[in-house]
Amino acid sequence: MRKLALTFIFVLAFATVLYLSRHIFFGKISTWVAAEDTPRAADAIVVISGGGLERPEKGIAIYKEGFAPLLVFSGAAREGEISNAEAMGALAQKQGVESAQIILEEDSRDTFENARNVAKIIKERNLQSIILVSSSYHQRRALISFRRALGKNISVISVPASPSWYRKDSWWDDARSREILRSELTKIGLLYLTRTNNAPDDK
């Protein structure tokens, strides 16, 4: 009986420690997924479509801070005739970015195609480094895809944007944040297992 009581106390104590430390453990998961680097100078800023306006707004802000001379917007049309890349480029011009500093990649329909098609542009222009911008929940998968497409000789600096709805520091308490993170972790796992960029993709 005494042994059973001690076992119960140990299990209860262990469960309590896990519960109280969930912010640290779960927080590390979302931090890893966000893959955030400190911004530094690069040859171009690459913004891939998806999410809301947080991605182009982040890319434009980084551009205005002088971290790179070019903005590359990547993404095909989801609705209507205007591509996501064109819409992001128009937003940048409204905020004072010259059209000559904007490159549009309008064919990509998912993260794999974003990486593949932008890699062609980067290599054709002989650029050596990029700042990659996606949403924080999507950033790790985008980073893996771009590094594979660009190869080891081109530096990828990861600077995620933060959607207002996504609760990065308490995602486990929010159904939408839990679901998006679960989905991304699954897709990241498939990327590592297959060693290719071909994973189910909805951005």
Foldseek 3Di string as FASTA:
>chain_A
DVVVVVVVVVVVVVVVVCVVCVLVVLLVLLVVLLQADDQAAFAEEEFEDDDDCQRLVVRLVVVVVPRHQAYEYEFACPDDHATPQNVSLVVSVVVPRDPVRYHYHHDDHFLLSSQQRVLVVCVVVVTAEYEYEDASLQQNLSVLNNCVNNDDRHYYHYHYGYDPPADSSPLVVPPVNVVSNVVNVVQVVVCVVVVHSDGDGDD
